C-alpha atoms as a PDB file:
ATOM      1  CA  MET A   1       6.504 -34.016   9.552  1.00  0.00           C
ATOM      2  CA  PRO A   2       9.209 -31.294   9.592  1.00  0.00           C
ATOM      3  CA  LYS A   3       9.708 -29.405  12.816  1.00  0.00           C
ATOM      4  CA  SER A   4       8.228 -25.898  12.923  1.00  0.00           C
ATOM      5  CA  LYS A   5      10.710 -23.048  12.902  1.00  0.00           C
ATOM      6  CA  ARG A   6       8.183 -20.492  14.122  1.00  0.00           C
ATOM      7  CA  ASN A   7       9.766 -20.087  17.571  1.00  0.00           C
ATOM      8  CA  ARG A   8      13.283 -19.486  16.276  1.00  0.00           C
ATOM      9  CA  ALA A   9      14.799 -16.230  17.599  1.00  0.00           C
ATOM     10  CA  VAL A  10      15.458 -13.509  15.030  1.00  0.00           C
ATOM     11  CA  THR A  11      17.509 -10.309  15.080  1.00  0.00           C
ATOM     12  CA  LEU A  12      15.662  -7.090  14.312  1.00  0.00           C
ATOM     13  CA  SER A  13      18.312  -4.615  15.467  1.00  0.00           C
ATOM     14  CA  LYS A  14      18.446  -2.893  12.056  1.00  0.00           C
ATOM     15  CA  THR A  15      14.780  -1.854  12.138  1.00  0.00           C
ATOM     16  CA  LYS A  16      14.237   0.714  14.897  1.00  0.00           C
ATOM     17  CA  LYS A  17      11.439   3.066  13.793  1.00  0.00           C
ATOM     18  CA  LYS A  18       8.570   1.433  15.726  1.00  0.00           C
ATOM     19  CA  GLY A  19      10.678  -0.445  18.235  1.00  0.00           C
ATOM     20  CA  LYS A  20      11.965  -3.980  18.480  1.00  0.00           C
ATOM     21  CA  GLU A  21       8.976  -5.238  20.472  1.00  0.00           C
ATOM     22  CA  HIS A  22       6.475  -3.978  17.881  1.00  0.00           C
ATOM     23  CA  LYS A  23       8.338  -5.682  15.044  1.00  0.00           C
ATOM     24  CA  GLU A  24       8.719  -8.923  17.000  1.00  0.00           C
ATOM     25  CA  ASN A  25       4.942  -8.949  17.535  1.00  0.00           C
ATOM     26  CA  ILE A  26       4.416  -8.642  13.769  1.00  0.00           C
ATOM     27  CA  VAL A  27       6.910 -11.438  13.113  1.00  0.00           C
ATOM     28  CA  ASN A  28       5.170 -13.708  15.614  1.00  0.00           C
ATOM     29  CA  SER A  29       1.720 -12.913  14.199  1.00  0.00           C
ATOM     30  CA  ILE A  30       2.846 -13.718  10.655  1.00  0.00           C
ATOM     31  CA  ARG A  31       4.415 -16.983  11.794  1.00  0.00           C
ATOM     32  CA  GLU A  32       1.273 -18.000  13.648  1.00  0.00           C
ATOM     33  CA  CYS A  33      -0.815 -17.345  10.526  1.00  0.00           C
ATOM     34  CA  ALA A  34       1.625 -19.353   8.426  1.00  0.00           C
ATOM     35  CA  GLU A  35       1.034 -22.286  10.756  1.00  0.00           C
ATOM     36  CA  LYS A  36      -2.742 -21.986  11.115  1.00  0.00           C
ATOM     37  CA  TYR A  37      -3.788 -20.534   7.709  1.00  0.00           C
ATOM     38  CA  SER A  38      -6.198 -18.113   9.346  1.00  0.00           C
ATOM     39  CA  SER A  39      -7.597 -15.300   7.222  1.00  0.00           C
ATOM     40  CA  ALA A  40      -5.494 -12.186   7.704  1.00  0.00           C
ATOM     41  CA  PHE A  41      -3.688  -9.444   5.800  1.00  0.00           C
ATOM     42  CA  PHE A  42      -0.304  -8.008   6.706  1.00  0.00           C
ATOM     43  CA  LEU A  43       0.929  -4.713   5.252  1.00  0.00           C
ATOM     44  CA  GLY A  44       4.019  -2.949   6.512  1.00  0.00           C
ATOM     45  CA  SER A  45       7.781  -3.117   6.502  1.00  0.00           C
ATOM     46  CA  ASN A  46       8.990  -5.496   3.797  1.00  0.00           C
ATOM     47  CA  LYS A  47      12.097  -6.347   5.816  1.00  0.00           C
ATOM     48  CA  VAL A  48      10.043  -7.380   8.836  1.00  0.00           C
ATOM     49  CA  MET A  49       7.770  -9.572   6.705  1.00  0.00           C
ATOM     50  CA  GLN A  50      10.815 -11.137   5.031  1.00  0.00           C
ATOM     51  CA  VAL A  51      12.338 -11.944   8.416  1.00  0.00           C
ATOM     52  CA  ALA A  52       9.069 -13.485   9.558  1.00  0.00           C
ATOM     53  CA  LEU A  53       8.872 -15.797   6.540  1.00  0.00           C
ATOM     54  CA  GLY A  54      12.584 -16.538   6.408  1.00  0.00           C
ATOM     55  CA  ARG A  55      14.941 -15.194   3.785  1.00  0.00           C
ATOM     56  CA  SER A  56      16.582 -18.506   2.896  1.00  0.00           C
ATOM     57  CA  ASP A  57      15.837 -22.206   3.119  1.00  0.00           C
ATOM     58  CA  SER A  58      17.894 -22.357   6.327  1.00  0.00           C
ATOM     59  CA  ASP A  59      15.662 -19.977   8.300  1.00  0.00           C
ATOM     60  CA  GLU A  60      12.265 -20.274   6.574  1.00  0.00           C
ATOM     61  CA  ILE A  61       9.380 -21.167   8.896  1.00  0.00           C
ATOM     62  CA  ARG A  62       7.742 -23.580   6.444  1.00  0.00           C
ATOM     63  CA  PRO A  63       9.360 -25.384   3.493  1.00  0.00           C
ATOM     64  CA  GLY A  64       9.438 -23.096   0.448  1.00  0.00           C
ATOM     65  CA  LEU A  65       8.281 -19.877   2.157  1.00  0.00           C
ATOM     66  CA  HIS A  66      11.624 -18.150   1.572  1.00  0.00           C
ATOM     67  CA  LYS A  67      10.626 -17.991  -2.107  1.00  0.00           C
ATOM     68  CA  ILE A  68       7.750 -15.681  -1.171  1.00  0.00           C
ATOM     69  CA  SER A  69      10.116 -13.636   0.989  1.00  0.00           C
ATOM     70  CA  LYS A  70      12.192 -12.838  -2.098  1.00  0.00           C
ATOM     71  CA  LEU A  71       9.090 -11.407  -3.806  1.00  0.00           C
ATOM     72  CA  VAL A  72       8.131  -9.114  -0.904  1.00  0.00           C
ATOM     73  CA  ARG A  73       9.297  -5.795  -2.346  1.00  0.00           C
ATOM     74  CA  GLY A  74       7.752  -2.441  -3.213  1.00  0.00           C
ATOM     75  CA  ASP A  75       4.090  -2.095  -2.229  1.00  0.00           C
ATOM     76  CA  SER A  76       3.610  -5.689  -1.126  1.00  0.00           C
ATOM     77  CA  GLY A  77       1.595  -7.477   1.504  1.00  0.00           C
ATOM     78  CA  LEU A  78       0.836 -10.958   2.770  1.00  0.00           C
ATOM     79  CA  CYS A  79      -2.543 -12.689   2.747  1.00  0.00           C
ATOM     80  CA  PHE A  80      -3.163 -15.843   4.762  1.00  0.00           C
ATOM     81  CA  THR A  81      -6.430 -17.638   4.151  1.00  0.00           C
ATOM     82  CA  ASN A  82      -8.214 -20.979   4.162  1.00  0.00           C
ATOM     83  CA  LEU A  83     -10.134 -20.065   1.010  1.00  0.00           C
ATOM     84  CA  SER A  84      -9.585 -22.048  -2.165  1.00  0.00           C
ATOM     85  CA  LYS A  85      -7.179 -20.895  -4.863  1.00  0.00           C
ATOM     86  CA  GLU A  86     -10.073 -20.128  -7.209  1.00  0.00           C
ATOM     87  CA  GLU A  87     -11.980 -18.120  -4.588  1.00  0.00           C
ATOM     88  CA  VAL A  88      -8.909 -16.020  -3.729  1.00  0.00           C
ATOM     89  CA  GLN A  89      -8.266 -15.271  -7.392  1.00  0.00           C
ATOM     90  CA  ARG A  90     -11.901 -14.251  -7.888  1.00  0.00           C
ATOM     91  CA  LEU A  91     -11.876 -11.909  -4.886  1.00  0.00           C
ATOM     92  CA  PHE A  92      -8.617 -10.266  -5.930  1.00  0.00           C
ATOM     93  CA  ASN A  93      -9.805  -9.791  -9.505  1.00  0.00           C
ATOM     94  CA  GLU A  94     -13.101  -8.246  -8.406  1.00  0.00           C
ATOM     95  CA  TYR A  95     -11.750  -5.933  -5.703  1.00  0.00           C
ATOM     96  CA  GLU A  96     -11.554  -2.261  -6.681  1.00  0.00           C
ATOM     97  CA  GLU A  97     -11.579   0.817  -4.482  1.00  0.00           C
ATOM     98  CA  HIS A  98     -11.471   4.478  -5.496  1.00  0.00           C
ATOM     99  CA  ASP A  99      -8.876   6.504  -3.622  1.00  0.00           C
ATOM    100  CA  PHE A 100      -7.196   9.901  -3.543  1.00  0.00           C
ATOM    101  CA  ALA A 101      -4.416  10.236  -6.106  1.00  0.00           C
ATOM    102  CA  ARG A 102      -0.839  10.793  -5.007  1.00  0.00           C
ATOM    103  CA  THR A 103       1.798  13.128  -6.358  1.00  0.00           C
ATOM    104  CA  GLY A 104       2.844  12.111  -9.870  1.00  0.00           C
ATOM    105  CA  THR A 105      -0.387  10.273 -10.660  1.00  0.00           C
ATOM    106  CA  THR A 106      -1.843  11.166 -14.060  1.00  0.00           C
ATOM    107  CA  ALA A 107      -4.975  13.270 -13.685  1.00  0.00           C
ATOM    108  CA  THR A 108      -8.062  11.610 -15.140  1.00  0.00           C
ATOM    109  CA  GLU A 109      -9.873  14.917 -15.724  1.00  0.00           C
ATOM    110  CA  LYS A 110      -9.452  18.660 -15.614  1.00  0.00           C
ATOM    111  CA  VAL A 111     -10.459  20.243 -12.311  1.00  0.00           C
ATOM    112  CA  GLU A 112     -11.043  23.988 -12.285  1.00  0.00           C
ATOM    113  CA  LEU A 113     -12.438  26.169  -9.501  1.00  0.00           C
ATOM    114  CA  GLN A 114     -14.438  29.252 -10.364  1.00  0.00           C
ATOM    115  CA  GLU A 115     -13.831  32.698  -8.920  1.00  0.00           C
ATOM    116  CA  GLY A 116     -15.947  33.369  -5.855  1.00  0.00           C
ATOM    117  CA  PRO A 117     -16.561  32.063  -2.326  1.00  0.00           C
ATOM    118  CA  LEU A 118     -15.345  28.603  -1.352  1.00  0.00           C
ATOM    119  CA  ASP A 119     -17.962  27.701   1.228  1.00  0.00           C
ATOM    120  CA  GLN A 120     -16.539  24.217   1.763  1.00  0.00           C
ATOM    121  CA  PHE A 121     -13.489  25.695   3.526  1.00  0.00           C
ATOM    122  CA  THR A 122     -13.396  27.401   6.909  1.00  0.00           C
ATOM    123  CA  HIS A 123     -11.485  30.639   7.406  1.00  0.00           C
ATOM    124  CA  GLU A 124      -8.698  28.748   9.208  1.00  0.00           C
ATOM    125  CA  MET A 125      -7.898  26.990   5.928  1.00  0.00           C
ATOM    126  CA  GLU A 126      -7.085  30.199   4.034  1.00  0.00           C
ATOM    127  CA  PRO A 127      -3.315  30.284   4.819  1.00  0.00           C
ATOM    128  CA  PHE A 128      -2.935  26.628   3.875  1.00  0.00           C
ATOM    129  CA  LEU A 129      -4.803  27.071   0.598  1.00  0.00           C
ATOM    130  CA  ARG A 130      -2.628  30.056  -0.253  1.00  0.00           C
ATOM    131  CA  LYS A 131       0.487  27.916   0.327  1.00  0.00           C
ATOM    132  CA  GLN A 132      -0.864  25.439  -2.237  1.00  0.00           C
ATOM    133  CA  GLY A 133      -0.829  28.218  -4.842  1.00  0.00           C
ATOM    134  CA  MET A 134      -4.524  29.076  -4.752  1.00  0.00           C
ATOM    135  CA  PRO A 135      -5.319  32.804  -5.218  1.00  0.00           C
ATOM    136  CA  VAL A 136      -7.507  33.156  -2.111  1.00  0.00           C
ATOM    137  CA  ARG A 137      -8.357  35.823   0.432  1.00  0.00           C
ATOM    138  CA  LEU A 138     -10.680  36.233   3.397  1.00  0.00           C
ATOM    139  CA  ASN A 139     -13.789  38.297   2.749  1.00  0.00           C
ATOM    140  CA  ARG A 140     -15.761  38.849   5.967  1.00  0.00           C
ATOM    141  CA  GLY A 141     -14.570  35.522   7.298  1.00  0.00           C
ATOM    142  CA  VAL A 142     -15.335  33.636   4.085  1.00  0.00           C
ATOM    143  CA  VAL A 143     -12.570  32.063   1.965  1.00  0.00           C
ATOM    144  CA  GLU A 144     -12.840  33.577  -1.487  1.00  0.00           C
ATOM    145  CA  LEU A 145     -11.118  32.673  -4.749  1.00  0.00           C
ATOM    146  CA  VAL A 146     -10.127  35.954  -6.417  1.00  0.00           C
ATOM    147  CA  SER A 147      -9.772  34.378  -9.881  1.00  0.00           C
ATOM    148  CA  ASP A 148     -10.470  31.097 -11.649  1.00  0.00           C
ATOM    149  CA  PHE A 149      -7.955  28.426 -10.649  1.00  0.00           C
ATOM    150  CA  VAL A 150      -7.004  25.227 -12.481  1.00  0.00           C
ATOM    151  CA  VAL A 151      -6.127  22.509  -9.974  1.00  0.00           C
ATOM    152  CA  CYS A 152      -5.007  19.959 -12.587  1.00  0.00           C
ATOM    153  CA  GLU A 153      -5.173  19.183 -16.285  1.00  0.00           C
ATOM    154  CA  GLU A 154      -6.361  15.864 -17.692  1.00  0.00           C
ATOM    155  CA  GLY A 155      -3.493  13.596 -18.735  1.00  0.00           C
ATOM    156  CA  ARG A 156      -0.822  15.504 -16.801  1.00  0.00           C
ATOM    157  CA  PRO A 157       0.917  14.334 -13.593  1.00  0.00           C
ATOM    158  CA  LEU A 158      -0.335  15.794 -10.332  1.00  0.00           C
ATOM    159  CA  SER A 159       1.899  18.162  -8.415  1.00  0.00           C
ATOM    160  CA  PRO A 160       2.126  17.780  -4.618  1.00  0.00           C
ATOM    161  CA  GLU A 161      -0.076  20.872  -4.267  1.00  0.00           C
ATOM    162  CA  ALA A 162      -2.707  19.560  -6.690  1.00  0.00           C
ATOM    163  CA  ALA A 163      -2.839  16.213  -4.879  1.00  0.00           C
ATOM    164  CA  ARG A 164      -3.455  18.006  -1.564  1.00  0.00           C
ATOM    165  CA  ILE A 165      -6.163  20.245  -3.011  1.00  0.00           C
ATOM    166  CA  LEU A 166      -7.974  17.305  -4.642  1.00  0.00           C
ATOM    167  CA  ARG A 167      -7.982  15.516  -1.280  1.00  0.00           C
ATOM    168  CA  LEU A 168      -9.492  18.589   0.374  1.00  0.00           C
ATOM    169  CA  LEU A 169     -12.136  18.720  -2.367  1.00  0.00           C
ATOM    170  CA  GLY A 170     -12.933  15.024  -1.874  1.00  0.00           C
ATOM    171  CA  LYS A 171     -12.007  14.334  -5.500  1.00  0.00           C
ATOM    172  CA  LYS A 172     -10.749  10.759  -5.987  1.00  0.00           C
ATOM    173  CA  MET A 173      -8.770  10.041  -9.144  1.00  0.00           C
ATOM    174  CA  ALA A 174      -6.978   6.817  -8.278  1.00  0.00           C
ATOM    175  CA  THR A 175      -8.219   3.246  -8.329  1.00  0.00           C
ATOM    176  CA  PHE A 176      -6.768   0.828  -5.788  1.00  0.00           C
ATOM    177  CA  ARG A 177      -6.501  -2.798  -6.926  1.00  0.00           C
ATOM    178  CA  LEU A 178      -4.906  -5.932  -5.542  1.00  0.00           C
ATOM    179  CA  HIS A 179      -2.651  -8.046  -7.726  1.00  0.00           C
ATOM    180  CA  LEU A 180      -1.588 -11.566  -6.885  1.00  0.00           C
ATOM    181  CA  ILE A 181       2.168 -12.039  -7.220  1.00  0.00           C
ATOM    182  CA  CYS A 182       2.486 -15.617  -6.046  1.00  0.00           C
ATOM    183  CA  ARG A 183       0.796 -18.337  -4.013  1.00  0.00           C
ATOM    184  CA  TRP A 184       2.198 -20.831  -1.541  1.00  0.00           C
ATOM    185  CA  SER A 185       0.724 -23.965   0.018  1.00  0.00           C
ATOM    186  CA  PRO A 186       2.490 -26.954   1.593  1.00  0.00           C
ATOM    187  CA  ASP A 187       2.370 -28.840  -1.697  1.00  0.00           C
ATOM    188  CA  GLU A 188       2.587 -26.057  -4.294  1.00  0.00           C
ATOM    189  CA  PHE A 189       4.313 -22.752  -5.081  1.00  0.00           C
ATOM    190  CA  GLU A 190       2.928 -20.730  -7.977  1.00  0.00           C
ATOM    191  CA  ILE A 191       4.079 -17.426  -9.501  1.00  0.00           C
ATOM    192  CA  TYR A 192       1.548 -15.078 -11.111  1.00  0.00           C
ATOM    193  CA  ARG A 193       3.873 -12.211 -12.058  1.00  0.00           C
ATOM    194  CA  GLU A 194       4.431 -12.229 -15.806  1.00  0.00           C
ATOM    195  CA  GLY A 195       8.017 -12.746 -16.935  1.00  0.00           C
ATOM    196  CA  LEU A 196       9.214 -14.168 -13.621  1.00  0.00           C
ATOM    197  CA  GLU A 197      10.188 -17.806 -13.159  1.00  0.00           C
ATOM    198  CA  GLU A 198      10.916 -19.780  -9.985  1.00  0.00           C
ATOM    199  CA  SER A 199      14.526 -20.160 -11.149  1.00  0.00           C
ATOM    200  CA  ASP A 200      14.874 -16.378 -11.041  1.00  0.00           C
ATOM    201  CA  ILE A 201      13.947 -16.406  -7.347  1.00  0.00           C
ATOM    202  CA  GLU A 202      16.405 -19.145  -6.495  1.00  0.00           C
ATOM    203  CA  SER A 203      19.258 -17.259  -8.191  1.00  0.00           C
ATOM    204  CA  SER A 204      18.472 -13.863  -6.643  1.00  0.00           C
END
């Protein structure tokens, strides 16, 4: 049985935002999960997760894990679990969560506020709302919209101001889903991303 590389020292001097100790704790936690297959999710710095897994076959903690490291990019995370392949796929396919849309997201509907009092906002919010472009004023301590205001139009990308206003209104326009990119086990490595082959990872 190959010797574990989990305790190998790593250099994290290039990642300073949350401190070396914090990042080393993440690296150690990921490596422990890779050894024990406990159920856990890791979301955070891609570079830290890559270091934890190993970025080449010479520093990977388990044989073949550096291939996953090469796919940790963008909005990625790691999932360690003892569940079967079929169960994991089912859970990922079924998971769906509504969330607040970010700047640039396409609006799914038109949102328009009518002239009059905005009882959902306290008077302290009036300056902030005005900064978002809303035509508001204080009327006896009540935030009031002095004219109809269109927050967003269906099919058009959200501005930063529109995204903030929708969050304040509790209006969720985004759907959060999980997509499997690849899967690793001691005896198998499988890629789910369409158009990507294992040879592409080895050459990158």
